Each structure stands twice: as structure tokens, then as C-alpha cells.
Amino acid sequence: MRLGSEFRAFAVTVGEDIDRLREFANLLREVNLGGTAIGTGINTPEGYSTLVIRHLSEVSGVELVPAGDLIEATSDMGAFVTFSGVLKRIAVKLSKICNDLRLLGSGPRAGLGEIKLPAVQAGSSIMPGKVNPTQCEALTMIAAQVMVNDVTIGIGGSNGHFELNVFKPVMIFNFLHSARLIGDGCVSFNDKCAVGIKPINANIKKHLDNSLMLVTSLNTKIGYYKSAEIAQKAHKEGTTLKEMAVKLGYVTAKEFDEWVIPANMVGKI
């Protein structure tokens, strides 16, 4: 349930980000090539910039267009900074999800063990039978690198001086690096991990039934303080919420079953 809602939220977020990437990609097609030194076009014949860009489009297979203001395009790298920012946002979300997967898959007996991650590698070199969440680890490392690349790109964008920005090489290097990492990393993670994740229903039910926070359902029935007393005493005496609630006389067994329904506590997902 937790994982399903998180993946759905991620899909919506990434869908929005992909729309932004498509929008910003149009800005990346604007180039200042042929503007010579700072975009004035000095010492070039009329139409030179347009001609150069047309030929480059034919050679590269990418439809490039002249920037509306060649001087501004020579000094400003805002499109790359913005595009990189969206890649960083995706990387942050990917890292968060992978960390959750690592925790949910921890075990198989000493951790949460609510999901089973595909065993891609043989396991630990020292602990027989141990299977590491290598695909999650790989994608979180990719996410870290993309975040660091974004810092470099931001610094590069801020270092334009007057009509020229000489940090373009390092910005482009990190920009392409991030794009390739995100693209390749997501495909690999999907094929080698995401599609093979399986829930361990027995552990999920055990943790759910053992949760003291299900007492939240009783707040509107018997009040916060009585609900808190039930949870605290159940924890102290090692009993279930239902047993303690009935023992204290705050609810009957039937009322507890009618009011404490975990499926009704998650809202619409």
C-alpha cells in the first residue's frame, strides 16, 4: 500500500517533469553559433549565422534555430540551468524511493522484510546467502552524481561575465553526464529491479496488526487521551490494542473491530 501510493505519486511527478523537459528542450535548440565573439556577428556576411545553423541541423539531425538575441545567448545559460534543475528533482525523488525500497526489503528476518527485491548478484563476499540491494544502491549513486552535477551547472551559469560565459564546456559536460545517467539508470533499474519486486504479504500483515498507531481510528470515538492510554499500556504490557482497549473498558470487542479498519485510514490512493 505504502509503496503503491509512492510509485503512483512518483509517476505523476515525473510525468509533469517530462512535460517540463520537453518544454525546456525547445530552448536548448536555440544556439548562438555564427554570432562570432560575443554575438554581434562582426566580420561575417549577412545571413551567416542562419546558414551555419541550417547546415549544422542537417549534419546533426537536430532541428536547431538561431537565438533571438545572439548576445544574450552568448552570455546566458539559463536553459541549461533550468533543465538540469528538473533532472535534479527527478534524481531526488528516485533516491528517496530507492532508500524506501532498501528499508522495505531489509531482512529477510532481521529487517522490515515487507518486499522481496530481485537477487541480481550472488550476494556478499563474506556473508553466505546475503543478497544486497545493488540496483537501489546503483540508482541512489546515480542520483547523488546528478545532484552534484547540477551544483556545477548552477555555478557555471552564475559565472557569466558581461557578454561572455566561459564556463560552457564544464556545464555541457555535466549536463550530458546527468542526462545519460538518468536515462540509462532508470531503464536498468526498471528491468533489473522494479518489475521483479514482490510483496511479502505475511510480513506486511504482521507489521500492520502489530502497529500501535492504528489506535488513531479511535480518536473520534473515545477521545485522544483515552486512545493514547490504550497505545501506551498495550506497548508496556506487550498486548494488542484490541485487548487493552477492551480491558480498560473504553470499547467493546465489536466496537473495536467496527472502528479500527486499517484500509479506511489511508484515504484515497
Protein backbone atom coordinates (compact mmCIF):
# COMPACT_ATOMS: atom_id res chain seq x y z
CA MET A 1 0.00 0.00 0.00
CA ARG A 2 2.74 2.41 1.01
CA LEU A 3 4.88 1.52 -1.98
CA GLY A 4 1.99 1.57 -4.45
CA SER A 5 0.92 5.08 -3.47
CA GLU A 6 4.51 6.27 -3.60
CA PHE A 7 5.07 4.89 -7.10
CA ARG A 8 1.83 6.49 -8.27
CA ALA A 9 2.86 9.83 -6.82
CA PHE A 10 6.27 9.47 -8.45
CA ALA A 11 4.67 8.69 -11.82
CA VAL A 12 2.58 11.87 -11.62
CA THR A 13 5.59 13.95 -10.59
CA VAL A 14 7.83 12.55 -13.31
CA GLY A 15 5.05 12.96 -15.87
CA GLU A 16 4.93 16.66 -15.03
CA ASP A 17 8.71 16.89 -15.13
CA ILE A 18 8.88 15.21 -18.53
CA ASP A 19 6.46 17.82 -19.85
CA ARG A 20 8.79 20.49 -18.49
CA LEU A 21 11.80 18.80 -20.06
CA ARG A 22 10.07 18.80 -23.44
CA GLU A 23 9.29 22.48 -23.00
CA PHE A 24 12.83 23.36 -21.99
CA ALA A 25 14.25 21.17 -24.77
CA ASN A 26 12.94 23.72 -27.25
CA LEU A 27 15.07 26.34 -25.54
CA LEU A 28 18.12 24.09 -25.93
CA ARG A 29 17.65 24.15 -29.70
CA GLU A 30 18.35 27.87 -29.74
CA VAL A 31 22.04 28.45 -30.44
CA ASN A 32 24.24 31.47 -30.94
CA LEU A 33 26.53 29.81 -33.48
CA GLY A 34 27.80 32.25 -36.07
CA GLY A 35 27.50 35.20 -33.72
CA THR A 36 31.31 35.34 -33.54
CA ALA A 37 32.93 36.85 -30.45
CA ILE A 38 30.02 37.99 -28.26
CA GLY A 39 27.04 37.67 -30.59
CA THR A 40 27.39 40.82 -32.67
CA GLY A 41 28.15 38.84 -35.84
CA ILE A 42 31.08 41.11 -36.57
CA ASN A 43 33.19 40.22 -39.65
CA THR A 44 30.55 37.84 -41.05
CA PRO A 45 28.39 38.31 -44.14
CA GLU A 46 24.68 38.89 -43.73
CA GLY A 47 22.79 35.65 -43.05
CA TYR A 48 25.93 33.79 -41.99
CA SER A 49 24.52 32.64 -38.63
CA THR A 50 21.33 31.33 -40.23
CA LEU A 51 23.32 29.47 -42.89
CA VAL A 52 25.70 27.89 -40.36
CA ILE A 53 22.85 26.70 -38.16
CA ARG A 54 20.97 25.26 -41.11
CA HIS A 55 23.98 23.19 -42.16
CA LEU A 56 24.60 22.06 -38.56
CA SER A 57 20.98 20.94 -38.30
CA GLU A 58 21.40 18.82 -41.43
CA VAL A 59 24.63 17.24 -40.14
CA SER A 60 23.37 16.58 -36.61
CA GLY A 61 19.80 15.63 -37.43
CA VAL A 62 18.61 18.06 -34.73
CA GLU A 63 16.43 20.99 -35.72
CA LEU A 64 18.40 23.94 -34.39
CA VAL A 65 17.28 27.56 -34.60
CA PRO A 66 19.15 30.86 -34.23
CA ALA A 67 18.68 32.52 -30.86
CA GLY A 68 16.55 35.64 -30.98
CA ASP A 69 19.29 37.61 -29.25
CA LEU A 70 22.77 36.31 -30.04
CA ILE A 71 24.46 38.47 -27.41
CA GLU A 72 22.11 37.26 -24.67
CA ALA A 73 22.53 33.66 -25.83
CA THR A 74 26.33 34.01 -25.65
CA SER A 75 26.32 35.18 -22.04
CA ASP A 76 23.32 33.39 -20.53
CA MET A 77 22.98 29.63 -19.91
CA GLY A 78 19.60 29.77 -18.22
CA ALA A 79 18.05 26.99 -20.31
CA PHE A 80 20.71 24.51 -19.20
CA VAL A 81 20.42 25.58 -15.56
CA THR A 82 16.65 25.14 -15.66
CA PHE A 83 16.79 21.79 -17.49
CA SER A 84 19.38 20.49 -15.04
CA GLY A 85 17.18 21.57 -12.15
CA VAL A 86 14.38 19.30 -13.40
CA LEU A 87 16.84 16.39 -13.74
CA LYS A 88 17.92 17.04 -10.15
CA ARG A 89 14.31 16.99 -8.97
CA ILE A 90 13.82 13.59 -10.63
CA ALA A 91 17.08 12.36 -9.08
CA VAL A 92 15.96 13.43 -5.60
CA LYS A 93 12.69 11.52 -5.95
CA LEU A 94 14.46 8.45 -7.33
CA SER A 95 16.87 8.45 -4.41
CA LYS A 96 14.02 8.74 -1.91
CA ILE A 97 12.14 5.81 -3.44
CA CYS A 98 15.26 3.63 -3.62
CA ASN A 99 16.03 4.30 0.04
CA ASP A 100 12.48 3.26 0.93
CA LEU A 101 12.85 0.10 -1.14
CA ARG A 102 16.10 -0.77 0.64
CA LEU A 103 14.39 -0.43 4.03
CA LEU A 104 11.26 -2.30 2.99
CA GLY A 105 13.41 -5.08 1.57
CA SER A 106 15.75 -5.29 4.55
CA GLY A 107 15.97 -8.70 6.15
CA PRO A 108 14.94 -11.30 5.32
CA ARG A 109 14.42 -11.92 9.04
CA ALA A 110 16.04 -9.11 10.99
CA GLY A 111 14.65 -6.19 8.99
CA LEU A 112 11.27 -5.00 7.79
CA GLY A 113 11.11 -7.60 5.03
CA GLU A 114 7.87 -6.32 3.52
CA ILE A 115 9.03 -6.73 -0.08
CA LYS A 116 11.35 -9.05 -1.95
CA LEU A 117 13.84 -7.39 -4.28
CA PRO A 118 15.19 -9.37 -7.25
CA ALA A 119 18.51 -11.05 -6.42
CA VAL A 120 20.62 -9.76 -9.30
CA GLN A 121 24.03 -10.55 -7.81
CA ALA A 122 25.16 -13.65 -5.97
CA GLY A 123 25.46 -11.70 -2.72
CA SER A 124 28.06 -10.78 -0.14
CA SER A 125 31.64 -11.98 -0.47
CA ILE A 126 31.83 -12.70 3.27
CA MET A 127 28.28 -13.49 4.37
CA PRO A 128 26.89 -16.59 2.62
CA GLY A 129 23.36 -16.16 1.33
CA LYS A 130 23.27 -12.39 1.82
CA VAL A 131 21.70 -10.56 -1.12
CA ASN A 132 22.47 -6.86 -1.42
CA PRO A 133 20.02 -4.29 -2.89
CA THR A 134 22.56 -3.42 -5.56
CA GLN A 135 20.13 -1.90 -8.06
CA CYS A 136 18.80 0.51 -5.43
CA GLU A 137 22.35 1.33 -4.41
CA ALA A 138 23.32 1.97 -8.03
CA LEU A 139 20.41 4.33 -8.68
CA THR A 140 21.00 6.29 -5.47
CA MET A 141 24.63 6.76 -6.51
CA ILE A 142 23.44 7.98 -9.90
CA ALA A 143 21.06 10.38 -8.16
CA ALA A 144 23.89 11.71 -6.00
CA GLN A 145 26.03 12.33 -9.07
CA VAL A 146 23.18 14.12 -10.88
CA MET A 147 22.65 16.37 -7.85
CA VAL A 148 26.35 17.21 -7.75
CA ASN A 149 26.37 17.86 -11.49
CA ASP A 150 23.51 20.31 -11.02
CA VAL A 151 25.60 22.25 -8.50
CA THR A 152 28.40 22.56 -11.05
CA ILE A 153 25.94 23.68 -13.72
CA GLY A 154 24.46 26.28 -11.39
CA ILE A 155 27.91 27.61 -10.52
CA GLY A 156 28.78 27.68 -14.20
CA GLY A 157 25.65 29.60 -15.07
CA SER A 158 26.45 32.20 -12.42
CA ASN A 159 29.92 32.80 -13.82
CA GLY A 160 28.99 34.62 -16.96
CA HIS A 161 30.82 37.96 -17.04
CA PHE A 162 29.28 40.74 -19.07
CA GLU A 163 28.68 39.38 -22.60
CA LEU A 164 30.50 36.07 -22.26
CA ASN A 165 30.26 32.86 -20.24
CA VAL A 166 33.42 30.77 -20.47
CA PHE A 167 32.07 28.02 -18.20
CA LYS A 168 30.05 26.46 -21.02
CA PRO A 169 32.36 23.42 -21.51
CA VAL A 170 32.06 22.24 -17.89
CA MET A 171 28.33 22.96 -17.91
CA ILE A 172 27.74 20.95 -21.08
CA PHE A 173 29.92 18.09 -19.80
CA ASN A 174 27.93 17.79 -16.58
CA PHE A 175 24.64 18.35 -18.36
CA LEU A 176 25.18 15.47 -20.79
CA HIS A 177 26.53 13.32 -17.97
CA SER A 178 23.35 13.81 -15.94
CA ALA A 179 21.06 13.14 -18.90
CA ARG A 180 22.82 9.89 -19.76
CA LEU A 181 22.94 8.73 -16.14
CA ILE A 182 19.25 9.38 -15.51
CA GLY A 183 18.22 7.74 -18.78
CA ASP A 184 20.41 4.65 -18.53
CA GLY A 185 19.90 4.32 -14.77
CA CYS A 186 16.11 4.34 -14.94
CA VAL A 187 16.00 1.76 -17.73
CA SER A 188 18.41 -0.54 -15.89
CA PHE A 189 16.58 -0.14 -12.57
CA ASN A 190 13.24 -0.89 -14.16
CA ASP A 191 14.46 -4.00 -15.98
CA LYS A 192 16.60 -5.43 -13.17
CA CYS A 193 14.62 -4.41 -10.10
CA ALA A 194 11.28 -2.62 -10.29
CA VAL A 195 9.47 -5.18 -12.46
CA GLY A 196 10.57 -8.01 -10.17
CA ILE A 197 9.57 -6.55 -6.79
CA LYS A 198 7.15 -8.79 -4.90
CA PRO A 199 5.27 -8.09 -1.66
CA ILE A 200 5.76 -10.39 1.32
CA ASN A 201 2.16 -10.36 2.48
CA ALA A 202 2.71 -12.31 5.68
CA ASN A 203 5.23 -9.76 6.99
CA ILE A 204 3.10 -6.83 5.86
CA LYS A 205 0.10 -8.21 7.76
CA LYS A 206 2.22 -8.95 10.83
CA HIS A 207 3.55 -5.39 10.97
CA LEU A 208 0.12 -3.93 10.30
CA ASP A 209 -1.57 -5.96 13.01
CA ASN A 210 1.23 -5.10 15.44
CA SER A 211 1.08 -1.36 14.82
CA LEU A 212 0.12 0.71 17.85
CA MET A 213 -0.77 3.68 15.65
CA LEU A 214 -3.96 2.01 14.46
CA VAL A 215 -5.37 3.42 17.66
CA THR A 216 -5.69 6.72 15.76
CA SER A 217 -9.04 5.42 14.46
CA LEU A 218 -10.41 5.67 17.99
CA ASN A 219 -9.67 9.38 18.38
CA THR A 220 -13.10 10.48 17.21
CA LYS A 221 -14.84 7.71 19.15
CA ILE A 222 -13.33 7.85 22.66
CA GLY A 223 -11.02 10.86 22.51
CA TYR A 224 -7.28 11.45 22.15
CA TYR A 225 -6.26 10.84 25.75
CA LYS A 226 -8.02 7.51 26.15
CA SER A 227 -6.64 6.39 22.77
CA ALA A 228 -3.13 7.38 23.86
CA GLU A 229 -3.59 5.45 27.13
CA ILE A 230 -4.58 2.33 25.21
CA ALA A 231 -1.50 2.52 22.96
CA GLN A 232 0.92 3.25 25.79
CA LYS A 233 -0.37 0.49 28.07
CA ALA A 234 -0.55 -2.02 25.22
CA HIS A 235 3.10 -1.28 24.47
CA LYS A 236 4.13 -1.51 28.12
CA GLU A 237 2.32 -4.78 28.79
CA GLY A 238 3.01 -6.34 25.38
CA THR A 239 -0.65 -6.83 24.43
CA THR A 240 -2.63 -5.90 21.33
CA LEU A 241 -4.57 -2.67 21.01
CA LYS A 242 -7.83 -4.58 20.97
CA GLU A 243 -7.02 -6.50 24.14
CA MET A 244 -6.04 -3.35 26.01
CA ALA A 245 -8.98 -1.30 24.75
CA VAL A 246 -11.42 -3.93 25.96
CA LYS A 247 -9.50 -4.43 29.22
CA LEU A 248 -9.72 -0.72 30.03
CA GLY A 249 -13.43 -0.75 29.25
CA TYR A 250 -13.25 2.02 26.69
CA VAL A 251 -14.69 -0.06 23.82
CA THR A 252 -16.20 -3.46 23.26
CA ALA A 253 -14.56 -6.05 21.02
CA LYS A 254 -17.29 -5.49 18.44
CA GLU A 255 -16.82 -1.71 18.50
CA PHE A 256 -13.07 -2.08 18.08
CA ASP A 257 -13.50 -4.29 15.01
CA GLU A 258 -16.00 -1.85 13.51
CA TRP A 259 -13.95 1.26 14.15
CA VAL A 260 -10.33 0.13 13.68
CA ILE A 261 -10.13 -0.76 9.98
CA PRO A 262 -6.66 -0.04 8.51
CA ALA A 263 -7.99 0.13 4.94
CA ASN A 264 -10.14 3.12 5.95
CA MET A 265 -7.15 5.02 7.36
CA VAL A 266 -5.18 5.63 4.16
CA GLY A 267 -7.54 7.98 2.39
CA LYS A 268 -7.89 7.80 -1.38
CA ILE A 269 -4.75 6.50 -3.09
